[in-house]
Amino acid sequence: MDDLNSETTTTSAVQTQILSVLDVARLLNVTRSVVVSWITSGQLAGINMAKQVGAGHKARWRISPEALEEFKRSRTTLRQTEPAVVAPLIPKNRLPKTGEEFV
């Protein structure tokens, strides 16, 4: 009987570690659609838990804590290693006209 209880507890603990799209959205302070776009673009690893996959069937994405940590680490590394490129702001009246060279 103890084996059954320990198995149930282990399964329950594993299930509570898996994050939903809403969980991740709340943790990162973004919308659910942003999280889904990260998953579908391959930036964030997710598992589709839907029973049927394809047209007309809604995906049920789940994200492991490890995948979320890797995603956050990759975004932090990206920010630290690549300097931001900022284009200078030029007033519209200073822009060259068509055919003119910009100096």
Protein backbone atom coordinates (compact mmCIF):
# COMPACT_ATOMS: atom_id res chain seq x y z
CA MET A 1 0.00 0.00 0.00
CA ASP A 2 2.90 2.36 0.72
CA ASP A 3 4.21 1.86 -2.83
CA LEU A 4 0.91 3.06 -4.28
CA ASN A 5 0.89 6.18 -2.12
CA SER A 6 4.50 7.04 -2.94
CA GLU A 7 3.81 6.58 -6.67
CA THR A 8 0.79 8.88 -6.49
CA THR A 9 2.80 11.50 -4.62
CA THR A 10 5.63 11.30 -7.15
CA THR A 11 3.24 11.63 -10.09
CA SER A 12 1.53 14.57 -8.40
CA ALA A 13 4.87 16.29 -7.77
CA VAL A 14 5.89 15.86 -11.41
CA GLN A 15 2.59 17.25 -12.66
CA THR A 16 2.89 20.39 -10.52
CA GLN A 17 6.29 21.14 -12.05
CA ILE A 18 4.94 21.30 -15.60
CA LEU A 19 3.93 24.85 -16.52
CA SER A 20 1.03 25.96 -18.69
CA VAL A 21 1.21 28.82 -21.19
CA LEU A 22 -0.65 30.99 -18.69
CA ASP A 23 1.84 30.13 -15.94
CA VAL A 24 4.77 31.14 -18.13
CA ALA A 25 2.98 34.30 -19.29
CA ARG A 26 2.41 35.36 -15.69
CA LEU A 27 6.00 34.56 -14.67
CA LEU A 28 7.45 36.59 -17.55
CA ASN A 29 4.80 39.32 -17.51
CA VAL A 30 3.75 38.81 -21.14
CA THR A 31 0.57 37.68 -22.87
CA ARG A 32 -0.30 34.07 -23.64
CA SER A 33 -0.04 34.74 -27.36
CA VAL A 34 3.58 35.87 -26.91
CA VAL A 35 4.41 32.60 -25.12
CA VAL A 36 2.71 30.56 -27.87
CA SER A 37 4.64 32.46 -30.55
CA TRP A 38 7.92 31.68 -28.73
CA ILE A 39 6.95 27.99 -28.68
CA THR A 40 5.86 27.81 -32.32
CA SER A 41 9.00 29.68 -33.45
CA GLY A 42 11.22 27.24 -31.55
CA GLN A 43 12.59 29.78 -29.08
CA LEU A 44 10.90 28.08 -26.12
CA ALA A 45 10.58 24.31 -25.89
CA GLY A 46 7.03 23.15 -25.30
CA ILE A 47 5.08 19.91 -25.52
CA ASN A 48 1.62 19.78 -27.09
CA MET A 49 -0.52 17.68 -24.75
CA ALA A 50 -3.64 17.81 -26.96
CA LYS A 51 -5.23 14.45 -27.75
CA GLN A 52 -5.57 15.38 -31.42
CA VAL A 53 -3.22 17.58 -33.37
CA GLY A 54 -3.96 19.38 -36.60
CA ALA A 55 -6.37 21.78 -38.20
CA GLY A 56 -9.32 22.64 -36.02
CA HIS A 57 -7.77 21.24 -32.84
CA LYS A 58 -6.54 23.53 -30.11
CA ALA A 59 -2.98 22.98 -28.88
CA ARG A 60 -2.46 22.44 -25.14
CA TRP A 61 1.13 23.49 -24.60
CA ARG A 62 3.09 22.57 -21.47
CA ILE A 63 6.55 23.84 -20.60
CA SER A 64 9.07 22.20 -18.30
CA PRO A 65 10.85 24.35 -15.71
CA GLU A 66 14.16 23.36 -17.34
CA ALA A 67 12.96 24.61 -20.74
CA LEU A 68 11.85 27.89 -19.19
CA GLU A 69 15.23 28.35 -17.46
CA GLU A 70 17.08 27.62 -20.71
CA PHE A 71 14.86 30.12 -22.53
CA LYS A 72 15.52 32.81 -19.92
CA ARG A 73 19.25 32.06 -19.96
CA SER A 74 19.42 32.33 -23.76
CA ARG A 75 17.60 35.67 -23.73
CA THR A 76 19.87 37.04 -20.98
CA THR A 77 22.98 35.90 -22.89
CA LEU A 78 21.67 37.52 -26.06
CA ARG A 79 21.20 40.85 -24.31
CA GLN A 80 24.67 40.77 -22.76
CA THR A 81 26.62 39.77 -25.87
CA GLU A 82 24.97 41.78 -28.62
CA PRO A 83 25.10 45.56 -28.33
CA ALA A 84 21.96 47.40 -29.26
CA VAL A 85 22.04 49.18 -32.59
CA VAL A 86 20.14 52.42 -32.42
CA ALA A 87 19.44 54.35 -35.58
CA PRO A 88 19.74 58.12 -35.22
CA LEU A 89 16.48 60.01 -35.30
CA ILE A 90 16.31 62.37 -38.26
CA PRO A 91 13.52 64.92 -38.53
CA LYS A 92 11.40 64.42 -41.66
CA ASN A 93 12.31 67.86 -42.99
CA ARG A 94 16.01 66.85 -42.91
CA LEU A 95 15.59 63.59 -44.86
CA PRO A 96 16.97 63.64 -48.43
CA LYS A 97 14.46 63.96 -51.22
CA THR A 98 14.11 61.16 -53.75
CA GLY A 99 17.26 60.96 -55.87
CA GLU A 100 19.37 63.06 -53.46
CA GLU A 101 22.31 61.62 -51.58
CA PHE A 102 22.16 61.50 -47.81
CA VAL A 103 25.09 63.25 -46.09
